[in-house]
């Protein structure tokens, strides 16, 4: 797989999040996120690291139950709305090191940031 192939796949997933994400897909992702939270907190070191990150970023460390409640309140419409506001039809920032002649032209990258819908 080349860099351009990976970029196209990523942009396709972003557009899917912006337009067609479903509740059934979101349920699966919620379960995976909950499992990850439990896995991170199963050791004392992991729990301390998690608490420290929350305190550092928000000055408050929610309980696992509070995290799960917040996750459960998320619906597909919320995901679509936020992704549409922050991702859909926005210009991508491109950074490269080395021979930039091999980069795909910007208009093609920009074109991957929206879908024409009928």
Protein backbone atom coordinates (compact mmCIF):
# COMPACT_ATOMS: atom_id res chain seq x y z
CA UNK A 1 0.00 0.00 0.00
CA UNK A 2 1.26 3.43 -0.92
CA UNK A 3 0.77 6.69 0.96
CA UNK A 4 -1.86 7.90 -1.53
CA UNK A 5 -3.83 4.66 -1.08
CA UNK A 6 -3.78 5.08 2.70
CA UNK A 7 -4.87 8.71 2.37
CA UNK A 8 -7.81 7.74 0.16
CA UNK A 9 -8.91 5.04 2.61
CA UNK A 10 -8.68 7.45 5.55
CA UNK A 11 -10.60 10.16 3.70
CA UNK A 12 -13.26 7.62 2.76
CA UNK A 13 -13.69 6.65 6.41
CA UNK A 14 -13.91 10.32 7.40
CA UNK A 15 -16.65 10.90 4.82
CA UNK A 16 -18.47 7.82 6.08
CA UNK A 17 -18.37 9.28 9.61
CA UNK A 18 -19.68 12.59 8.27
CA UNK A 19 -22.57 11.14 6.30
CA UNK A 20 -23.49 7.49 6.81
CA UNK A 21 -22.42 6.22 10.24
CA UNK A 22 -25.16 4.02 11.74
CA UNK A 23 -26.30 3.29 15.27
CA UNK A 24 -25.29 -0.37 14.93
CA UNK A 25 -21.73 0.62 13.99
CA UNK A 26 -21.66 3.05 16.90
CA UNK A 27 -22.80 0.35 19.35
CA UNK A 28 -19.84 -1.82 18.31
CA UNK A 29 -17.41 1.09 18.74
CA UNK A 30 -18.89 1.96 22.15
CA UNK A 31 -18.34 -1.61 23.34
CA UNK A 32 -14.74 -1.53 22.10
CA UNK A 33 -14.13 1.78 23.87
CA UNK A 34 -15.58 0.48 27.13
CA UNK A 35 -13.40 -2.63 26.87
CA UNK A 36 -10.34 -0.42 26.29
CA UNK A 37 -11.17 1.70 29.35
CA UNK A 38 -11.54 -1.41 31.50
CA UNK A 39 -8.32 -2.89 30.10
CA UNK A 40 -6.39 0.31 30.87
CA UNK A 41 -7.66 0.36 34.45
CA UNK A 42 -7.13 -3.31 35.32
CA UNK A 43 -3.67 -2.64 36.81
CA UNK A 44 -2.77 -0.14 39.51
CA UNK A 45 -0.23 1.55 37.24
CA UNK A 46 -2.77 1.85 34.42
CA UNK A 47 -5.42 3.27 36.75
CA UNK A 48 -2.96 5.82 38.17
CA UNK A 49 -1.92 6.88 34.68
CA UNK A 50 -5.55 7.27 33.62
CA UNK A 51 -6.40 9.34 36.71
CA UNK A 52 -3.28 11.49 36.21
CA UNK A 53 -4.21 12.21 32.58
CA UNK A 54 -7.76 13.20 33.52
CA UNK A 55 -6.54 15.44 36.36
CA UNK A 56 -3.92 17.02 34.11
CA UNK A 57 -6.31 17.76 31.25
CA UNK A 58 -9.57 18.51 33.06
CA UNK A 59 -8.75 18.89 36.78
CA UNK A 60 -11.34 16.16 37.42
CA UNK A 61 -11.13 12.38 37.23
CA UNK A 62 -14.50 10.79 36.41
CA UNK A 63 -15.33 7.32 37.64
CA UNK A 64 -15.62 4.44 35.20
CA UNK A 65 -19.39 4.58 35.61
CA UNK A 66 -19.41 8.27 34.63
CA UNK A 67 -17.29 7.51 31.57
CA UNK A 68 -19.61 4.68 30.55
CA UNK A 69 -22.67 6.89 31.02
CA UNK A 70 -21.16 9.57 28.77
CA UNK A 71 -20.31 6.94 26.16
CA UNK A 72 -23.83 5.49 26.30
CA UNK A 73 -25.38 8.93 25.70
CA UNK A 74 -23.59 9.29 22.36
CA UNK A 75 -25.76 8.66 19.28
CA UNK A 76 -24.95 8.44 15.56
CA UNK A 77 -26.51 11.85 14.88
CA UNK A 78 -24.00 13.43 17.30
CA UNK A 79 -21.09 11.78 15.49
CA UNK A 80 -22.38 12.87 12.08
CA UNK A 81 -22.99 16.44 13.26
CA UNK A 82 -19.55 16.87 14.85
CA UNK A 83 -17.72 15.23 11.95
CA UNK A 84 -19.69 17.31 9.46
CA UNK A 85 -18.78 20.50 11.34
CA UNK A 86 -15.07 19.74 11.77
CA UNK A 87 -14.10 17.40 8.89
CA UNK A 88 -16.52 17.61 5.97
CA UNK A 89 -15.49 20.03 3.19
CA UNK A 90 -12.44 21.31 5.07
CA UNK A 91 -9.05 21.79 3.41
CA UNK A 92 -6.51 19.19 4.54
CA UNK A 93 -3.16 20.38 5.85
CA UNK A 94 -0.37 18.54 4.04
CA UNK A 95 3.19 18.28 5.32
CA UNK A 96 5.99 16.50 3.49
CA UNK A 97 9.70 15.92 3.89
CA UNK A 98 11.91 15.14 0.94
CA UNK A 99 10.93 15.04 -2.71
CA UNK A 100 7.53 16.69 -2.75
CA UNK A 101 7.12 16.19 -6.50
CA UNK A 102 5.64 12.76 -5.73
CA UNK A 103 2.82 14.28 -3.66
CA UNK A 104 -0.62 14.09 -5.15
CA UNK A 105 -1.94 17.43 -6.33
CA UNK A 106 -3.79 19.40 -3.69
CA UNK A 107 -7.05 19.63 -5.63
CA UNK A 108 -7.32 15.82 -5.65
CA UNK A 109 -6.68 15.68 -1.89
CA UNK A 110 -9.20 18.46 -1.36
CA UNK A 111 -11.75 16.63 -3.50
CA UNK A 112 -11.63 13.69 -1.10
CA UNK A 113 -12.95 15.87 1.71
CA UNK A 114 -16.54 15.99 0.44
CA UNK A 115 -19.04 13.78 -1.37
CA UNK A 116 -21.44 15.13 -3.93
CA UNK A 117 -24.86 13.93 -2.82
CA UNK A 118 -28.02 13.82 -4.86
